[in-house]
Structures are given as structure tokens and as C-alpha cells.
Amino acid sequence: FEDIMSVTKDKAKEQFKKYEGIHKSMDEQTNTLAALVLTTPEKQSTAPKSVQASGTALQQVEDDSDDVIYTNHFPCSFSLDLTFYHREKRRQFVSDILFAKTIHATAVCWYDEGSCMYSTTNFKDKLPIIYEKEEQGYQRRLTINGPTTTSGTNYLDQSSIRIIETLIKQVLKQQFKVVGSVFYRWDEEADQDGPYNLLTGFKLAMCLTESGPTLNVDTTITRFYPHLDLLAFILERLLKNESSFRGSLLDRHYDQIGNRLKDVEVTTAQSNYEKIYILTGYFSDQLPEKTPIKEQGNLLNYYKHLGFELRYPQLYCVKAYPLGNPQNLVDLPIELCCLREWQQVKEDENTKPVPAPTVDKRYHSILTAIRYCNFHDDELCKEIQLEVNCQTMMGIPYETLSKRQIILGRQGAFTNPVSIDNMAFIYLAERQQPNARQIQEKLLNNFYD
């Protein structure tokens, strides 16, 4: 038994040295990578560079792509000696105050969507300010008693970063179409995806990093309804011109398009394309000529009286209701309806996801988006001396680690080798077996498997 103990101790020490060498190598590589990641941002230059032609940045990516990972962050800089004054909460109509210079003749102000107004001017001599305006039958009143708090650019914190981000978004709202929090170019050419259009937009956020403030830009692809007349959308996109249109549709066509039109928003010619209606996905039971209406006897005469003589009286009307009033169902002639512009397609679990763009396409779309932004000519950008280096993305050096040897136990858990100075095994049995020696050796051998 003492011989077995000696063998066990020697094997344990030998195995521990083997494991210790493996883990030491892994730790050295891990520490090297950690040092690389932590020191990389400090090496990044925060000084803004002049914007050059797009070919320069693309060539740099091709040359350095073997040892640099590009991130969608763009270094920013702005004046250091700025103080931001936060004003009290306000309503949307406060924009009239800013445009009319009501508060201060020269003060530069901006605001976010529903919370605060900001300025680089401390016009406390003008406070308190009371502004009243009658709007849509309501008397609006805004009172600014004084600044609630201040932030600055000498010591950047999250509050200062958020204020600058708000300023940038206010500037870009004058340059792009904004849907939710996504910016879209007005001249963006849409890609067709079945009956819908695909548009590429971008989101942005100001970040406070170890290498200084950066502007994070990311793109997103969204499905929109095309800005078409409803009849053209039905014939060209939903039915795909499967049969020549002769002023009417077959019953199977109505069944085919009904579900696709549910909850779609349209405007109408008789409202000068201003009033919004929501389609139910159902159609009227009778043609316009037989649909009764009090004023003119039937729907056909009603629209003729309004100056809209129907060209296709053999088309059934779509059932819809005004936005916000689902109880008031009306019959709308298909030929007088138009899909509301910039209307996103409502997706559900049955909707096929938009395919993700390739890495190369996403890279180019991000650079295109940031270069379409004008950060130089707007009064707000000039006020804080904003500069964004959109020549290329920030590059972070990287290292590919060698393949690791992972040591696993029998149950799949990672092992953590420790030094064993003494170890003993006790074999219990009802009676001594003739092959006890072989069983002991098998136990020791299996211990290291």
C-alpha cells in the first residue's frame, strides 16, 4: 500500500506541473490581450481631422484590415469653456420662442422632445419669462423661472454628453426625415422587398469613452409602404398585375388583398390628403351606386357632388375609420385613397425578418450616413464649435489568440488543478478478493483519465 501511495504522489505532482504550465501560458496570453484592449483607446487621437474624399478612407480599410478592427465610432471635439444652462420643462410650442428670439435676441437655445431647454447663454436678467399662446383653441403658457442646473465641457460627464447629443439631433432634424429615433435621407432610393420598400436609416448617440467623446452611428433597414395610390399599390404590388385591370376585381382578388390591407393608414383626395383613415381589411357589401347615403342618395352621387366623379364605379369601397375613432366606420372609394407617406410596415411573428446586410455594405452605409450630416453650417454646431472626424471609423488593433487546450472533467466542468501533498485510498469490501492488487491499479489509472 505504501508503494501505491508513493506512485500516487509522484503522478499527482507530475500532472500538476503539466496543468500549471498550461494555465500559466493561458494567463500570459489573457494578460497580453487585456493590456492591448485597455491601452488601445489611450492611443487614439482625439483631435478632429479634416474630411477628405471617401476613397481615402476606403483605401485605408483595405490596407489595414488585416490587423485593425473598425468600430462605428467617430471622434468628436468641441469648445472646452462652455456652460450649459438647463431650463424648466416645456411644451412643443416652445420652438416658437426659440425661432422668434423671444427670450433673448442673441442667445442660442435648443431643446429635447418633452423635457428640457438648453442654452449657452445665462440670461438671468430676462427671468422670469412668461410666454402665452393660443393654439387649437387651447391657451398655452410657458413660464421659465430660472435654470435648474448647469453642465459644462471642461469636465465632461453623462449629463454634458446627453445635452450635446440633444443638440446634434436637433441639427439633423432639419436635414433628414425622422421616424421615431431613426434618420432617413430625403433622396434615399428604396429597394423593393415584395410589395414593400426597404429604406436604410441611421441612429446616433454621443458616447464618453476613454479616448474622449465619440459619435456612435449605426444603420438600420426598415420596411415601408410605398407612397402610392391605393389602387396602384393593389394592382402593381399585391396582385402583381396578374390580370389586366378593366375597372373591377374578382372576388378572389378581394379575399387575397383583404388581410394585407388591415391596419394600413391612408389619406383621401377629398380631404386634400390630410385626414388619416385606418383600413379594416374589409370591403363594402354593395357598389357605390347602391350604397345609401343621406345627403345625395348614394355614394356615387355623393362624391360626384364633391367634385370627384368615380372612374371605377364597379370597385367595392374599403371600410375604414378616422384615426382615433374606430367606432365611426365609413366606405372609401379605393381610387380616392393614397397610402400615407413614411408609413412603416407593422410586423408580427409571421413576418419574414429583413435580411442583415453584409459587413462591407454595412461599413459603406455607415460612412455614407455620417458624411451626409452637415455639422459645420448650423448655428448650434458653430456655437459649441463641434467637429466630427468622419474621415474613417476608429480602428482598434487586435490579436488572434492561438488555439487553447481546454481541460475538462468527466462532467464537462472546468478543472482547477491544485497541489496534493498527501493522498490515500481505502478500498472496502466484504471479503478480501484475489484480484485486489489489479483493482487498486485500475483505480489509480482511472483517476487520471
Protein backbone atom coordinates (compact mmCIF):
# COMPACT_ATOMS: atom_id res chain seq x y z
CA PHE A 1 0.00 0.00 0.00
CA GLU A 2 2.94 2.34 0.74
CA ASP A 3 4.26 1.71 -2.79
CA ILE A 4 0.90 2.68 -4.19
CA MET A 5 0.89 5.90 -2.12
CA SER A 6 4.33 6.82 -3.45
CA VAL A 7 3.27 6.23 -7.04
CA THR A 8 0.12 8.30 -6.48
CA LYS A 9 2.06 11.24 -5.07
CA ASP A 10 4.56 11.25 -7.93
CA LYS A 11 1.84 11.07 -10.56
CA ALA A 12 -0.10 13.88 -8.90
CA LYS A 13 2.93 16.20 -8.82
CA GLU A 14 3.79 15.42 -12.43
CA GLN A 15 0.20 16.06 -13.55
CA PHE A 16 0.02 19.31 -11.56
CA LYS A 17 3.17 20.65 -13.22
CA LYS A 18 1.64 19.88 -16.60
CA TYR A 19 -1.60 21.71 -15.72
CA GLU A 20 0.29 24.61 -14.16
CA GLY A 21 2.25 25.14 -17.38
CA ILE A 22 -0.92 25.16 -19.45
CA HIS A 23 -2.68 27.68 -17.19
CA LYS A 24 0.40 29.88 -16.98
CA SER A 25 0.52 30.08 -20.77
CA MET A 26 -3.20 30.90 -20.88
CA ASP A 27 -2.82 33.60 -18.20
CA GLU A 28 0.08 35.23 -20.05
CA GLN A 29 -1.94 35.44 -23.28
CA THR A 30 -5.00 36.72 -21.43
CA ASN A 31 -2.97 39.45 -19.68
CA THR A 32 -1.44 40.46 -23.01
CA LEU A 33 -4.88 40.79 -24.59
CA ALA A 34 -6.23 42.73 -21.60
CA ALA A 35 -3.33 45.18 -21.80
CA LEU A 36 -3.95 45.59 -25.51
CA VAL A 37 -7.65 46.36 -25.06
CA LEU A 38 -7.13 48.81 -22.22
CA THR A 39 -4.28 50.75 -23.78
CA THR A 40 -5.71 50.97 -27.27
CA PRO A 41 -8.22 53.81 -26.56
CA GLU A 42 -5.49 55.95 -24.98
CA LYS A 43 -3.52 55.77 -28.20
CA GLN A 44 -6.42 57.05 -30.28
CA SER A 45 -6.13 60.66 -31.32
CA THR A 46 -9.00 62.87 -30.17
CA ALA A 47 -8.04 65.75 -32.46
CA PRO A 48 -10.54 66.18 -35.28
CA LYS A 49 -9.26 65.66 -38.80
CA SER A 50 -10.44 67.35 -41.94
CA VAL A 51 -12.95 65.44 -44.02
CA GLN A 52 -11.38 64.00 -47.16
CA ALA A 53 -12.75 62.15 -50.14
CA SER A 54 -14.37 58.84 -49.39
CA GLY A 55 -11.78 56.95 -51.46
CA THR A 56 -9.08 57.75 -48.90
CA ALA A 57 -10.91 56.03 -46.06
CA LEU A 58 -11.84 53.02 -48.16
CA GLN A 59 -8.24 52.54 -49.25
CA GLN A 60 -7.08 52.72 -45.64
CA VAL A 61 -9.52 50.00 -44.65
CA GLU A 62 -8.27 47.74 -47.41
CA ASP A 63 -4.65 48.27 -46.36
CA ASP A 64 -5.08 47.89 -42.60
CA SER A 65 -7.95 45.43 -42.36
CA ASP A 66 -5.59 42.56 -41.50
CA ASP A 67 -4.61 43.97 -38.11
CA VAL A 68 -7.28 46.56 -37.23
CA ILE A 69 -10.92 46.18 -36.23
CA TYR A 70 -13.05 49.16 -37.24
CA THR A 71 -15.78 50.35 -34.89
CA ASN A 72 -18.69 52.62 -35.79
CA HIS A 73 -17.43 55.40 -33.51
CA PHE A 74 -16.23 58.77 -34.80
CA PRO A 75 -14.08 61.08 -32.59
CA CYS A 76 -15.66 64.43 -31.71
CA SER A 77 -14.38 67.69 -30.30
CA PHE A 78 -15.97 70.93 -29.17
CA SER A 79 -15.18 74.08 -27.26
CA LEU A 80 -13.94 73.45 -23.72
CA ASP A 81 -15.12 76.60 -21.98
CA LEU A 82 -18.86 76.09 -22.34
CA THR A 83 -21.56 76.07 -19.68
CA PHE A 84 -24.97 74.57 -20.43
CA TYR A 85 -27.95 76.04 -18.59
CA HIS A 86 -30.91 73.68 -18.15
CA ARG A 87 -34.30 75.37 -18.19
CA GLU A 88 -37.60 74.14 -16.85
CA LYS A 89 -39.91 71.72 -18.66
CA ARG A 90 -41.87 73.00 -21.64
CA ARG A 91 -44.35 72.05 -24.33
CA GLN A 92 -43.73 71.62 -28.04
CA PHE A 93 -44.75 75.17 -28.82
CA VAL A 94 -41.57 76.43 -27.13
CA SER A 95 -39.94 76.13 -30.55
CA ASP A 96 -41.81 79.31 -31.50
CA ILE A 97 -40.00 81.09 -28.70
CA LEU A 98 -36.61 79.96 -29.96
CA PHE A 99 -37.25 80.82 -33.60
CA ALA A 100 -38.71 84.22 -32.75
CA LYS A 101 -35.82 85.06 -30.38
CA THR A 102 -38.44 85.95 -27.77
CA ILE A 103 -36.27 85.01 -24.80
CA HIS A 104 -33.04 86.68 -25.88
CA ALA A 105 -32.02 88.45 -29.08
CA THR A 106 -28.69 86.61 -29.45
CA ALA A 107 -28.98 83.55 -27.19
CA VAL A 108 -28.51 80.15 -28.83
CA CYS A 109 -31.03 77.63 -27.47
CA TRP A 110 -32.07 74.06 -28.24
CA TYR A 111 -34.43 71.53 -26.69
CA ASP A 112 -35.22 67.84 -26.47
CA GLU A 113 -38.56 66.16 -27.16
CA GLY A 114 -40.50 66.73 -23.99
CA SER A 115 -38.13 67.56 -21.17
CA CYS A 116 -35.72 70.49 -21.12
CA MET A 117 -34.49 73.54 -22.96
CA TYR A 118 -30.77 74.35 -23.03
CA SER A 119 -28.63 77.37 -23.79
CA THR A 120 -25.02 78.52 -23.64
CA THR A 121 -26.21 81.95 -22.50
CA ASN A 122 -27.14 82.74 -18.92
CA PHE A 123 -29.91 85.30 -19.50
CA LYS A 124 -30.93 85.53 -15.85
CA ASP A 125 -31.56 89.24 -16.31
CA LYS A 126 -34.52 88.30 -18.52
CA LEU A 127 -36.07 85.90 -15.99
CA PRO A 128 -38.76 85.10 -15.13
CA ILE A 129 -40.13 84.69 -18.66
CA ILE A 130 -43.83 84.10 -19.25
CA TYR A 131 -44.91 83.16 -22.76
CA GLU A 132 -48.54 82.65 -23.73
CA LYS A 133 -50.04 81.45 -26.99
CA GLU A 134 -53.45 80.29 -28.12
CA GLU A 135 -53.18 77.09 -30.14
CA GLN A 136 -56.07 75.00 -31.49
CA GLY A 137 -58.48 76.54 -29.01
CA TYR A 138 -56.18 75.99 -26.02
CA GLN A 139 -54.35 78.66 -24.10
CA ARG A 140 -50.70 77.61 -23.78
CA ARG A 141 -48.45 79.12 -21.17
CA LEU A 142 -44.75 78.57 -20.53
CA THR A 143 -43.02 80.01 -17.50
CA ILE A 144 -39.24 79.95 -17.11
CA ASN A 145 -38.26 80.98 -13.61
CA GLY A 146 -34.58 80.14 -13.83
CA PRO A 147 -32.01 77.48 -14.68
CA THR A 148 -32.47 74.24 -12.76
CA THR A 149 -28.88 73.09 -13.14
CA THR A 150 -25.74 73.62 -15.20
CA SER A 151 -23.25 71.40 -17.00
CA GLY A 152 -20.06 72.13 -18.89
CA THR A 153 -17.45 70.83 -21.30
CA ASN A 154 -14.39 71.35 -19.13
CA TYR A 155 -15.33 68.31 -17.04
CA LEU A 156 -17.39 66.04 -19.22
CA ASP A 157 -19.97 63.81 -17.60
CA GLN A 158 -23.00 61.93 -18.85
CA SER A 159 -25.21 64.99 -18.42
CA SER A 160 -22.99 67.12 -20.68
CA ILE A 161 -22.76 64.33 -23.24
CA ARG A 162 -26.56 63.96 -23.33
CA ILE A 163 -27.01 67.71 -23.84
CA ILE A 164 -24.58 67.73 -26.78
CA GLU A 165 -26.31 64.66 -28.23
CA THR A 166 -29.62 66.52 -27.99
CA LEU A 167 -28.10 69.46 -29.85
CA ILE A 168 -26.79 67.23 -32.65
CA LYS A 169 -30.17 65.54 -33.09
CA GLN A 170 -31.89 68.94 -33.27
CA VAL A 171 -29.50 69.94 -36.04
CA LEU A 172 -30.03 66.74 -38.03
CA LYS A 173 -33.82 67.02 -37.81
CA GLN A 174 -33.53 69.93 -40.24
CA GLN A 175 -31.53 67.78 -42.68
CA PHE A 176 -33.24 64.37 -42.58
CA LYS A 177 -36.65 62.77 -42.26
CA VAL A 178 -37.04 61.46 -38.71
CA VAL A 179 -39.24 58.44 -37.99
CA GLY A 180 -39.11 57.60 -34.30
CA SER A 181 -35.41 57.89 -33.46
CA VAL A 182 -34.16 56.93 -36.94
CA PHE A 183 -32.91 59.43 -39.53
CA TYR A 184 -33.59 58.85 -43.24
CA ARG A 185 -32.26 60.75 -46.23
CA TRP A 186 -34.93 62.53 -48.25
CA ASP A 187 -33.39 61.33 -51.53
CA GLU A 188 -32.81 57.74 -50.39
CA GLU A 189 -33.53 55.25 -53.17
CA ALA A 190 -35.62 52.40 -51.80
CA ASP A 191 -35.04 48.73 -52.54
CA GLN A 192 -38.18 46.75 -53.25
CA ASP A 193 -39.00 43.85 -50.95
CA GLY A 194 -42.13 42.19 -52.28
CA PRO A 195 -44.92 44.77 -52.08
CA TYR A 196 -42.92 47.00 -49.73
CA ASN A 197 -39.91 49.30 -49.84
CA LEU A 198 -36.70 48.89 -47.85
CA LEU A 199 -35.06 52.09 -46.61
CA THR A 200 -31.76 52.38 -44.79
CA GLY A 201 -31.70 54.85 -41.91
CA PHE A 202 -29.31 55.54 -39.07
CA LYS A 203 -29.32 56.14 -35.35
CA LEU A 204 -26.70 58.05 -33.41
CA ALA A 205 -25.59 58.51 -29.83
CA MET A 206 -22.86 60.51 -28.14
CA CYS A 207 -20.54 58.35 -26.03
CA LEU A 208 -17.99 59.26 -23.39
CA THR A 209 -15.05 56.88 -23.88
CA GLU A 210 -11.50 56.62 -22.53
CA SER A 211 -10.24 58.16 -25.76
CA GLY A 212 -12.64 61.09 -25.49
CA PRO A 213 -16.16 61.81 -26.78
CA THR A 214 -17.24 59.87 -29.85
CA LEU A 215 -20.32 59.84 -32.03
CA ASN A 216 -21.70 56.33 -32.43
CA VAL A 217 -23.58 55.79 -35.71
CA ASP A 218 -25.40 52.61 -36.65
CA THR A 219 -27.65 51.83 -39.59
CA THR A 220 -30.96 50.01 -39.69
CA ILE A 221 -33.10 48.71 -42.57
CA THR A 222 -36.86 49.20 -42.26
CA ARG A 223 -39.86 48.17 -44.35
CA PHE A 224 -42.12 51.00 -45.52
CA TYR A 225 -45.26 51.13 -47.59
CA PRO A 226 -44.56 52.82 -50.92
CA HIS A 227 -46.04 56.28 -51.37
CA LEU A 228 -48.56 55.16 -54.00
CA ASP A 229 -52.24 55.48 -54.68
CA LEU A 230 -54.05 52.59 -53.04
CA LEU A 231 -55.32 51.25 -56.37
CA ALA A 232 -51.81 51.26 -57.87
CA PHE A 233 -50.46 49.51 -54.76
CA ILE A 234 -53.13 46.80 -55.05
CA LEU A 235 -52.62 46.21 -58.77
CA GLU A 236 -48.83 46.55 -59.01
CA ARG A 237 -47.58 45.30 -55.67
CA LEU A 238 -50.21 42.96 -54.19
CA LEU A 239 -51.72 41.43 -57.33
CA LYS A 240 -48.54 41.98 -59.39
CA ASN A 241 -50.62 42.81 -62.47
CA GLU A 242 -51.62 39.16 -62.70
CA SER A 243 -54.55 40.10 -64.90
CA SER A 244 -55.42 43.15 -66.94
CA PHE A 245 -57.46 45.66 -64.95
CA ARG A 246 -60.74 46.57 -66.61
CA GLY A 247 -62.37 48.58 -63.87
CA SER A 248 -63.26 45.77 -61.47
CA LEU A 249 -61.72 43.00 -59.37
CA LEU A 250 -62.73 39.38 -58.92
CA ASP A 251 -64.00 38.06 -55.59
CA ARG A 252 -60.79 36.10 -55.07
CA HIS A 253 -58.82 39.31 -55.50
CA TYR A 254 -60.69 40.97 -52.63
CA ASP A 255 -60.04 37.91 -50.46
CA GLN A 256 -56.38 37.98 -51.46
CA ILE A 257 -55.73 41.61 -50.57
CA GLY A 258 -58.01 41.99 -47.53
CA ASN A 259 -55.54 40.80 -44.88
CA ARG A 260 -52.69 42.74 -46.48
CA LEU A 261 -54.62 46.00 -46.12
CA LYS A 262 -55.66 45.60 -42.50
CA ASP A 263 -54.47 48.47 -40.25
CA VAL A 264 -52.89 50.31 -43.19
CA GLU A 265 -53.12 54.11 -42.96
CA VAL A 266 -54.39 56.07 -45.96
CA THR A 267 -55.26 59.65 -46.81
CA THR A 268 -58.03 60.70 -49.20
CA ALA A 269 -58.31 63.05 -52.15
CA GLN A 270 -61.48 64.69 -50.78
CA SER A 271 -59.57 65.75 -47.62
CA ASN A 272 -56.66 67.08 -49.70
CA TYR A 273 -54.65 64.09 -48.43
CA GLU A 274 -54.58 65.45 -44.88
CA LYS A 275 -57.10 63.35 -42.94
CA ILE A 276 -55.85 59.88 -41.99
CA TYR A 277 -58.03 56.77 -42.08
CA ILE A 278 -57.25 53.24 -40.88
CA LEU A 279 -58.31 50.38 -43.17
CA THR A 280 -60.12 47.44 -41.58
CA GLY A 281 -59.26 44.93 -44.30
CA TYR A 282 -62.93 44.57 -45.26
CA PHE A 283 -64.92 45.89 -48.20
CA SER A 284 -68.44 47.25 -48.60
CA ASP A 285 -71.28 44.86 -49.36
CA GLN A 286 -72.58 46.95 -52.25
CA LEU A 287 -71.13 49.02 -55.07
CA PRO A 288 -71.03 52.84 -54.63
CA GLU A 289 -74.14 53.28 -56.78
CA LYS A 290 -76.15 51.12 -54.37
CA THR A 291 -74.56 52.28 -51.12
CA PRO A 292 -77.16 54.59 -49.50
CA ILE A 293 -76.16 57.94 -48.06
CA LYS A 294 -78.47 60.65 -46.74
CA GLU A 295 -77.16 63.74 -48.48
CA GLN A 296 -77.11 62.59 -52.12
CA GLY A 297 -78.99 59.30 -52.14
CA ASN A 298 -75.98 57.07 -52.80
CA LEU A 299 -72.21 57.15 -52.50
CA LEU A 300 -71.62 57.60 -56.23
CA ASN A 301 -73.66 60.81 -56.35
CA TYR A 302 -72.14 61.99 -53.07
CA TYR A 303 -68.61 62.00 -54.45
CA LYS A 304 -69.79 63.44 -57.77
CA HIS A 305 -71.30 66.33 -55.81
CA LEU A 306 -67.92 66.86 -54.08
CA GLY A 307 -66.23 67.08 -57.47
CA PHE A 308 -64.79 63.57 -57.51
CA GLU A 309 -66.61 61.57 -60.16
CA LEU A 310 -65.57 57.95 -59.75
CA ARG A 311 -63.82 56.45 -62.77
CA TYR A 312 -64.22 52.90 -61.49
CA PRO A 313 -67.75 52.60 -60.04
CA GLN A 314 -67.50 48.80 -60.29
CA LEU A 315 -64.93 48.69 -57.46
CA TYR A 316 -66.20 47.97 -53.97
CA CYS A 317 -65.22 50.54 -51.33
CA VAL A 318 -62.83 49.80 -48.49
CA LYS A 319 -64.17 50.04 -44.95
CA ALA A 320 -62.14 52.35 -42.76
CA TYR A 321 -62.37 54.63 -39.75
CA PRO A 322 -60.79 58.01 -38.93
CA LEU A 323 -57.59 57.89 -36.91
CA GLY A 324 -58.52 57.73 -33.23
CA ASN A 325 -62.21 56.99 -33.85
CA PRO A 326 -62.62 53.25 -34.56
CA GLN A 327 -66.38 53.36 -33.92
CA ASN A 328 -67.06 55.58 -36.94
CA LEU A 329 -66.85 53.22 -39.94
CA VAL A 330 -67.02 54.76 -43.42
CA ASP A 331 -66.85 53.48 -47.01
CA LEU A 332 -63.95 54.92 -49.01
CA PRO A 333 -63.58 54.50 -52.79
CA ILE A 334 -60.29 52.73 -53.49
CA GLU A 335 -59.37 55.12 -56.31
CA LEU A 336 -59.53 58.16 -53.98
CA CYS A 337 -57.19 56.69 -51.33
CA CYS A 338 -53.42 57.08 -51.08
CA LEU A 339 -51.01 55.28 -48.76
CA ARG A 340 -49.71 57.61 -46.06
CA GLU A 341 -46.13 58.59 -46.71
CA TRP A 342 -43.34 57.29 -44.46
CA GLN A 343 -45.56 54.55 -43.05
CA GLN A 344 -43.72 51.61 -41.53
CA VAL A 345 -44.99 48.10 -42.14
CA LYS A 346 -46.36 46.55 -38.95
CA GLU A 347 -44.59 43.24 -38.42
CA ASP A 348 -45.69 40.18 -36.48
CA GLU A 349 -44.34 36.71 -35.79
CA ASN A 350 -45.22 35.62 -39.33
CA THR A 351 -43.27 38.44 -40.96
CA LYS A 352 -40.02 37.42 -42.56
CA PRO A 353 -37.12 39.35 -40.95
CA VAL A 354 -35.27 41.89 -43.04
CA PRO A 355 -32.03 40.20 -44.15
CA ALA A 356 -28.94 41.60 -42.46
CA PRO A 357 -26.56 43.48 -44.77
CA THR A 358 -23.09 42.17 -45.48
CA VAL A 359 -20.22 43.58 -43.42
CA ASP A 360 -18.90 45.50 -46.41
CA LYS A 361 -22.32 47.02 -47.20
CA ARG A 362 -22.92 47.99 -43.57
CA TYR A 363 -19.49 49.62 -43.41
CA HIS A 364 -20.16 51.72 -46.51
CA SER A 365 -23.70 52.64 -45.40
CA ILE A 366 -22.42 53.92 -42.03
CA LEU A 367 -19.75 56.06 -43.69
CA THR A 368 -22.28 57.37 -46.21
CA ALA A 369 -24.69 58.30 -43.41
CA ILE A 370 -22.14 60.20 -41.32
CA ARG A 371 -20.81 62.06 -44.37
CA TYR A 372 -24.27 63.27 -45.32
CA CYS A 373 -24.52 65.03 -41.95
CA ASN A 374 -23.64 68.71 -42.02
CA PHE A 375 -22.04 69.59 -38.69
CA HIS A 376 -20.46 72.87 -39.84
CA ASP A 377 -23.04 75.35 -41.11
CA ASP A 378 -25.72 75.20 -38.44
CA GLU A 379 -25.82 77.91 -35.79
CA LEU A 380 -25.97 75.37 -32.95
CA CYS A 381 -22.88 73.49 -34.16
CA LYS A 382 -20.97 76.74 -34.53
CA GLU A 383 -21.95 77.75 -31.00
CA ILE A 384 -20.17 74.76 -29.45
CA GLN A 385 -17.51 74.54 -32.22
CA LEU A 386 -18.47 70.95 -32.98
CA GLU A 387 -16.07 68.91 -35.09
CA VAL A 388 -16.66 65.28 -36.07
CA ASN A 389 -13.91 63.23 -37.67
CA CYS A 390 -15.91 61.31 -40.26
CA GLN A 391 -12.94 60.53 -42.48
CA THR A 392 -12.93 56.93 -41.32
CA MET A 393 -14.03 54.74 -38.45
CA MET A 394 -11.95 54.39 -35.32
CA GLY A 395 -9.55 51.50 -35.66
CA ILE A 396 -8.68 49.21 -32.77
CA PRO A 397 -5.67 46.87 -33.14
CA TYR A 398 -6.39 43.25 -32.37
CA GLU A 399 -4.57 39.98 -31.93
CA THR A 400 -5.76 36.50 -32.81
CA LEU A 401 -5.10 34.17 -29.89
CA SER A 402 -3.71 30.71 -30.50
CA LYS A 403 -5.98 27.72 -30.08
CA ARG A 404 -6.37 26.84 -26.42
CA GLN A 405 -6.21 23.42 -24.84
CA ILE A 406 -9.26 23.24 -22.59
CA ILE A 407 -9.05 20.74 -19.74
CA LEU A 408 -12.43 19.29 -18.78
CA GLY A 409 -13.54 16.91 -16.09
CA ARG A 410 -15.75 13.92 -16.59
CA GLN A 411 -18.93 16.00 -16.13
CA GLY A 412 -17.81 18.71 -18.55
CA ALA A 413 -16.80 21.21 -15.85
CA PHE A 414 -13.51 23.13 -16.00
CA THR A 415 -10.82 21.77 -13.68
CA ASN A 416 -8.76 23.92 -11.39
CA PRO A 417 -5.59 21.89 -10.58
CA VAL A 418 -4.23 22.15 -7.04
CA SER A 419 -1.16 20.67 -5.45
CA ILE A 420 -1.79 17.44 -3.49
CA ASP A 421 0.82 16.68 -0.82
CA ASN A 422 -0.77 13.58 0.67
CA MET A 423 -3.47 11.30 -0.60
CA ALA A 424 -4.74 7.88 0.48
CA PHE A 425 -7.27 5.43 -0.89
CA ILE A 426 -9.24 2.98 1.21
CA TYR A 427 -10.85 0.05 -0.56
CA LEU A 428 -13.76 -1.51 1.34
CA ALA A 429 -15.14 -4.97 0.53
CA GLU A 430 -17.00 -7.78 2.27
CA ARG A 431 -14.02 -10.10 2.00
CA GLN A 432 -10.59 -9.96 0.52
CA GLN A 433 -10.64 -10.66 -3.19
CA PRO A 434 -7.82 -12.48 -5.00
CA ASN A 435 -7.53 -9.69 -7.60
CA ALA A 436 -7.37 -6.78 -5.11
CA ARG A 437 -3.99 -5.65 -6.49
CA GLN A 438 -5.38 -5.34 -10.01
CA ILE A 439 -8.41 -3.41 -8.74
CA GLN A 440 -6.16 -0.93 -6.91
CA GLU A 441 -4.04 -0.30 -10.00
CA LYS A 442 -7.16 0.15 -12.15
CA LEU A 443 -8.49 2.72 -9.66
CA LEU A 444 -5.26 4.74 -9.83
CA ASN A 445 -5.11 4.63 -13.60
CA ASN A 446 -8.73 5.73 -13.99
CA PHE A 447 -8.13 8.60 -11.56
CA TYR A 448 -6.05 10.43 -14.21
CA ASP A 449 -8.40 9.84 -17.14
